[in-house]
Protein backbone atom coordinates (compact mmCIF):
# COMPACT_ATOMS: atom_id res chain seq x y z
CA MET A 1 -143.89 -148.96 -88.86
CA SER A 2 -142.31 -146.37 -86.46
CA ASP A 3 -139.50 -145.32 -89.46
CA PHE A 4 -142.33 -144.76 -91.83
CA ALA A 5 -144.29 -142.26 -88.78
CA ALA A 6 -140.90 -141.05 -88.42
CA GLU A 7 -140.05 -139.80 -92.15
CA PHE A 8 -143.32 -138.92 -92.64
CA SER A 9 -142.96 -136.51 -89.91
CA LYS A 10 -139.82 -135.13 -91.34
CA VAL A 11 -141.81 -135.02 -95.00
CA THR A 12 -144.74 -132.87 -93.42
CA ASP A 13 -141.99 -130.65 -91.26
CA MET A 14 -140.32 -129.86 -95.04
CA ILE A 15 -143.85 -129.60 -96.56
CA SER A 16 -145.12 -127.21 -93.89
CA GLY A 17 -142.15 -125.00 -93.94
CA ALA A 18 -142.15 -124.76 -98.03
CA ALA A 19 -145.94 -123.91 -97.39
CA LYS A 20 -145.55 -120.93 -95.12
CA GLY A 21 -142.59 -119.64 -97.59
CA ILE A 22 -145.20 -119.76 -100.07
CA PHE A 23 -147.95 -118.51 -97.93
CA ASN A 24 -145.76 -115.50 -96.86
CA LYS A 25 -144.72 -114.41 -100.91
CA VAL A 26 -148.71 -114.70 -101.61
CA ASP A 27 -149.74 -112.87 -98.92
CA HIS A 28 -147.07 -110.24 -99.72
CA MET A 29 -147.88 -110.12 -103.17
CA LEU A 30 -151.71 -109.51 -102.25
CA PHE A 31 -150.42 -106.80 -100.13
CA ASN A 32 -148.72 -105.52 -102.96
CA ALA A 33 -152.24 -105.51 -104.98
CA LEU A 34 -154.18 -103.86 -102.37
CA ILE A 35 -151.58 -101.08 -102.07
CA GLY A 36 -151.75 -100.85 -105.56
CA CYS A 37 -155.80 -99.87 -105.49
CA LEU A 38 -155.19 -97.61 -102.67
CA LYS A 39 -153.38 -95.80 -105.40
CA SER A 40 -156.29 -95.58 -107.61
CA ASN A 41 -158.75 -92.73 -108.02
CA ASP A 42 -160.99 -95.24 -108.55
CA TYR A 43 -163.24 -95.60 -105.32
CA GLU A 44 -164.68 -98.47 -105.35
CA ALA A 45 -161.19 -100.59 -106.37
CA ALA A 46 -159.74 -98.37 -103.07
CA LYS A 47 -163.20 -99.40 -101.09
CA VAL A 48 -162.79 -103.26 -102.03
CA ALA A 49 -158.59 -103.05 -100.94
CA ILE A 50 -159.29 -101.30 -97.75
CA GLU A 51 -162.50 -103.85 -96.81
CA GLN A 52 -160.07 -106.91 -97.69
CA MET A 53 -157.32 -105.25 -95.40
CA VAL A 54 -159.57 -104.62 -92.51
CA LYS A 55 -160.76 -108.26 -92.91
CA GLU A 56 -157.69 -109.61 -92.68
CA ASN A 57 -157.06 -107.67 -89.13
CA LYS A 58 -153.10 -107.54 -90.24
CA PRO A 59 -151.49 -104.35 -88.38
CA VAL A 60 -148.84 -104.21 -91.28
CA SER A 61 -151.75 -102.20 -92.65
CA ILE A 62 -152.23 -99.59 -90.48
CA PRO A 63 -149.45 -97.71 -91.70
CA PRO A 64 -150.80 -97.13 -95.79
CA LEU A 65 -154.64 -96.95 -94.43
CA TYR A 66 -153.03 -94.02 -92.27
CA PHE A 67 -151.72 -92.31 -94.92
CA VAL A 68 -154.44 -92.63 -97.77
CA SER A 69 -156.51 -91.19 -94.71
CA ARG A 70 -154.55 -88.37 -94.76
CA GLU A 71 -153.00 -88.15 -98.09
CA HIS A 72 -155.35 -88.97 -100.77
CA PRO A 73 -156.79 -86.72 -103.13
CA VAL A 74 -160.24 -88.01 -103.13
CA LEU A 75 -161.92 -87.30 -100.37
CA ARG A 76 -164.45 -90.38 -100.25
CA ILE A 77 -161.11 -93.00 -100.21
CA ARG A 78 -159.65 -90.39 -97.63
CA GLU A 79 -162.84 -91.29 -95.47
CA GLU A 80 -163.08 -94.98 -96.16
CA ALA A 81 -159.59 -95.25 -95.11
CA ALA A 82 -159.91 -93.52 -92.15
CA ARG A 83 -163.09 -96.07 -91.39
CA GLY A 84 -161.24 -98.97 -91.71
CA LEU A 85 -158.44 -97.70 -89.66
CA LYS A 86 -160.82 -97.62 -87.02
CA ALA A 87 -161.64 -101.32 -87.45
CA PHE A 88 -158.02 -101.65 -85.98
CA LYS A 89 -158.99 -100.11 -82.87
CA GLN A 90 -155.58 -98.50 -82.46
CA ASP A 91 -156.79 -95.19 -82.32
CA LYS A 92 -155.08 -94.17 -79.16
CA ARG A 93 -151.50 -95.55 -80.48
CA ILE A 94 -151.44 -94.35 -83.58
CA GLU A 95 -152.45 -90.80 -82.39
CA GLU A 96 -149.49 -91.06 -80.07
CA LEU A 97 -147.04 -91.95 -82.94
CA THR A 98 -148.05 -89.36 -85.08
CA ALA A 99 -149.27 -86.54 -83.00
CA GLY A 100 -147.13 -83.47 -84.11
CA LYS A 101 -145.40 -85.34 -86.72
CA GLU A 102 -144.87 -84.86 -90.43
CA ILE A 103 -146.80 -87.38 -92.62
CA LYS A 104 -143.47 -89.04 -93.73
CA GLU A 105 -141.86 -89.09 -89.97
CA ALA A 106 -145.96 -90.22 -89.03
CA VAL A 107 -145.58 -93.13 -91.08
CA ARG A 108 -142.19 -94.28 -90.30
CA ALA A 109 -143.51 -94.53 -86.91
CA LEU A 110 -146.41 -96.53 -87.70
CA VAL A 111 -144.29 -98.79 -89.30
CA GLU A 112 -141.91 -98.89 -86.83
CA GLU A 113 -145.11 -99.77 -84.59
CA PHE A 114 -147.01 -101.65 -86.53
CA GLY A 115 -144.62 -103.67 -89.21
CA ASN A 116 -144.58 -103.72 -93.18
CA TYR A 117 -143.62 -106.60 -95.53
CA ARG A 118 -139.94 -105.38 -95.94
CA GLU A 119 -139.06 -107.09 -93.05
């Protein structure tokens, strides 16, 4: 029976590793889909994407939400992104990282601090 337990443990480790890889890919695809919605001028689509990013509470969402809160052509979407950004409770750190910087530099600083899915 101990051989079975040892082999079963190896199998579950392999499956677990594969599942993590699959979930990471799914997370990445979902994140890209949410980014696509943030690019939209459709307020409802952007709002749903922002709400999902906030719900997932992953710091990787901070840089795109910051960019949208500053640069999106639709005011309501900028305001929604700013509200979503506050949910991360990183206002002070975001201000420290972005103060006095052009938008590209600010986003780069946020990516360095909070990460991205290309890593």
